[in-house]
Protein backbone atom coordinates (compact mmCIF):
# COMPACT_ATOMS: atom_id res chain seq x y z
CA MET A 1 210.61 287.87 -146.86
CA ILE A 2 210.40 291.62 -146.84
CA PRO A 3 211.48 293.04 -150.21
CA VAL A 4 215.22 292.99 -150.74
CA ARG A 5 216.84 296.35 -151.35
CA LEU A 6 219.90 296.18 -153.56
CA TRP A 7 222.30 299.02 -154.26
CA VAL A 8 225.67 298.94 -155.95
CA ALA A 9 227.93 301.90 -155.26
CA SER A 10 231.72 302.01 -155.23
CA PHE A 11 231.88 298.22 -155.54
CA ILE A 12 229.91 297.70 -152.34
CA LEU A 13 226.88 295.45 -152.35
CA LEU A 14 224.12 296.20 -149.85
CA THR A 15 221.23 293.85 -149.23
CA THR A 16 218.47 293.87 -146.67
CA VAL A 17 216.94 290.53 -145.83
CA PHE A 18 214.84 290.84 -142.71
CA PRO A 19 212.38 288.00 -142.29
CA SER A 20 208.77 289.12 -142.27
CA ALA A 21 206.23 287.93 -139.71
CA MET A 22 205.35 285.08 -142.09
CA SER A 23 208.90 283.69 -142.09
CA ALA A 24 209.80 284.39 -138.45
CA GLU A 25 209.85 280.64 -137.76
CA GLU A 26 212.91 280.29 -139.99
CA CYS A 27 215.12 281.85 -137.30
CA SER A 28 215.17 280.17 -133.92
CA ARG A 29 214.65 282.41 -130.93
CA GLU A 30 217.56 283.01 -128.59
CA ARG A 31 217.72 284.55 -125.13
CA ILE A 32 220.42 286.86 -123.82
CA GLN A 33 220.45 287.78 -120.15
CA THR A 34 222.49 290.94 -119.79
CA VAL A 35 222.71 294.45 -118.40
CA THR A 36 222.61 297.58 -120.54
CA THR A 37 223.39 301.21 -119.94
CA TRP A 38 219.69 301.99 -120.44
CA THR A 39 218.04 299.35 -118.25
CA GLY A 40 219.90 299.80 -114.95
CA PRO A 41 222.17 297.48 -112.98
CA ASN A 42 219.91 294.42 -112.93
CA ALA A 43 220.24 291.83 -115.68
CA GLN A 44 217.34 291.70 -118.14
CA ASN A 45 216.15 288.84 -120.36
CA PHE A 46 215.98 289.68 -124.06
CA ASP A 47 214.52 287.32 -126.69
CA GLY A 48 214.71 287.34 -130.48
CA PRO A 49 216.43 285.86 -133.51
CA THR A 50 220.18 286.16 -133.93
CA LEU A 51 221.40 289.01 -136.09
CA SER A 52 223.29 286.53 -138.28
CA CYS A 53 220.13 284.52 -139.03
CA SER A 54 218.11 287.68 -139.64
CA VAL A 55 220.62 289.01 -142.18
CA PHE A 56 222.10 285.87 -143.74
CA GLY A 57 219.36 283.27 -143.25
CA ARG A 58 219.06 280.19 -141.10
CA GLU A 59 221.35 277.87 -143.06
CA ALA A 60 223.82 280.43 -144.36
CA LYS A 61 227.38 280.68 -143.11
CA LEU A 62 228.65 284.08 -142.16
CA PRO A 63 231.08 285.54 -144.69
CA ARG A 64 234.75 285.67 -143.73
CA SER A 65 234.86 289.45 -143.76
CA GLY A 66 232.74 292.49 -144.25
CA GLU A 67 230.36 294.49 -142.11
CA VAL A 68 226.68 294.64 -141.35
CA LEU A 69 225.14 298.10 -141.41
CA CYS A 70 222.13 298.41 -139.10
CA GLY A 71 219.86 301.44 -139.16
CA SER A 72 217.14 302.67 -136.86
CA LEU A 73 213.87 304.47 -137.41
CA ASN A 74 215.47 307.75 -136.28
CA GLY A 75 218.26 307.48 -138.88
CA TYR A 76 221.04 306.29 -136.56
CA GLN A 77 223.34 303.76 -138.24
CA VAL A 78 226.20 301.58 -137.09
CA LYS A 79 228.60 299.32 -138.98
CA ILE A 80 229.37 296.05 -137.20
CA PRO A 81 232.27 293.81 -138.25
CA VAL A 82 231.14 290.29 -139.22
CA ASP A 83 233.91 288.89 -137.00
CA LEU A 84 232.29 290.54 -133.97
CA ILE A 85 228.87 289.16 -134.91
CA ARG A 86 230.36 285.68 -135.24
CA GLN A 87 232.11 285.94 -131.86
CA MET A 88 229.35 287.61 -129.80
CA ARG A 89 226.12 286.28 -131.41
CA PRO A 90 223.91 289.37 -130.80
CA ILE A 91 220.14 289.12 -131.19
CA LEU A 92 217.48 291.41 -132.63
CA ALA A 93 215.37 291.36 -129.49
CA ASP A 94 211.64 291.90 -129.79
CA ARG A 95 210.93 291.05 -126.13
CA GLN A 96 212.37 292.23 -122.84
CA ASN A 97 211.53 290.16 -119.75
CA GLY A 98 208.72 288.53 -121.73
CA GLU A 99 207.10 291.81 -122.79
CA VAL A 100 206.90 292.86 -126.42
CA LEU A 101 209.21 295.80 -127.14
CA THR A 102 207.23 298.77 -128.39
CA LEU A 103 208.58 301.90 -130.03
CA ARG A 104 208.43 303.63 -126.62
CA LYS A 105 210.52 300.81 -125.12
CA ARG A 106 213.28 300.80 -127.77
CA GLY A 107 211.42 298.40 -130.06
CA PRO A 108 210.18 296.93 -132.17
CA LYS A 109 213.70 295.46 -132.56
CA TRP A 110 216.67 296.20 -130.30
CA LEU A 111 220.11 294.86 -131.16
CA ILE A 112 221.26 293.23 -127.91
CA TRP A 113 224.75 291.98 -127.09
CA PRO A 114 225.76 289.58 -124.31
CA ARG A 115 227.61 292.19 -122.26
CA SER A 116 227.32 290.28 -118.97
CA SER A 117 228.80 287.03 -120.22
CA LYS A 118 231.34 288.31 -122.76
CA SER A 119 232.95 291.24 -120.91
CA LEU A 120 231.69 293.94 -123.25
CA ASN A 121 232.26 297.37 -121.80
CA SER A 122 230.63 300.72 -122.48
CA ILE A 123 232.77 301.13 -125.62
CA PHE A 124 230.23 298.82 -127.26
CA ASP A 125 227.22 301.00 -126.37
CA ASP A 126 227.12 302.26 -129.97
CA TYR A 127 226.30 298.70 -131.08
CA PHE A 128 223.18 298.48 -128.86
CA ILE A 129 221.01 300.09 -131.54
CA TRP A 130 217.28 300.26 -130.87
CA SER A 131 214.24 300.72 -133.11
CA VAL A 132 216.15 298.76 -135.76
CA ASP A 133 214.33 298.81 -139.08
CA ASN A 134 217.01 297.48 -141.42
CA CYS A 135 220.31 295.63 -141.51
CA GLN A 136 222.43 295.27 -144.61
CA PHE A 137 225.52 293.24 -145.39
CA LEU A 138 228.38 295.32 -146.80
CA SER A 139 230.88 293.42 -148.90
CA ASN A 140 233.94 294.55 -150.79
CA THR A 141 233.18 292.06 -153.53
CA LEU A 142 230.16 291.39 -155.69
CA ASN A 143 229.95 287.62 -155.03
């Protein structure tokens, strides 16, 4: 695993637990076929581990509440409710139509949501964060 960052501020616990290349096998790969605002009207295939596995681990259950804070290389951040992650099962895509996502193509990780199959509208565009370099669970308790 990549080193875990741990901060405690105002009773909020933040942890980053992205699998490294050595432990990538721990999370199964998923595929989402969807359209995005940035890739045009035709559905694209995106592949990668689920966000829940990447943050909480393969065997872990998602917490009942809280948020996941994802940040990108350019400093953009978004807080995502755990309930939405549970319902929509987004992935941290590292491939688009079989091609590795590079920094120029919104990689190396792009948080992808199943817009086509789950009726997500453009309100959710803020959650399609690209060049993801960290995700952290935010909890109101120190469990």
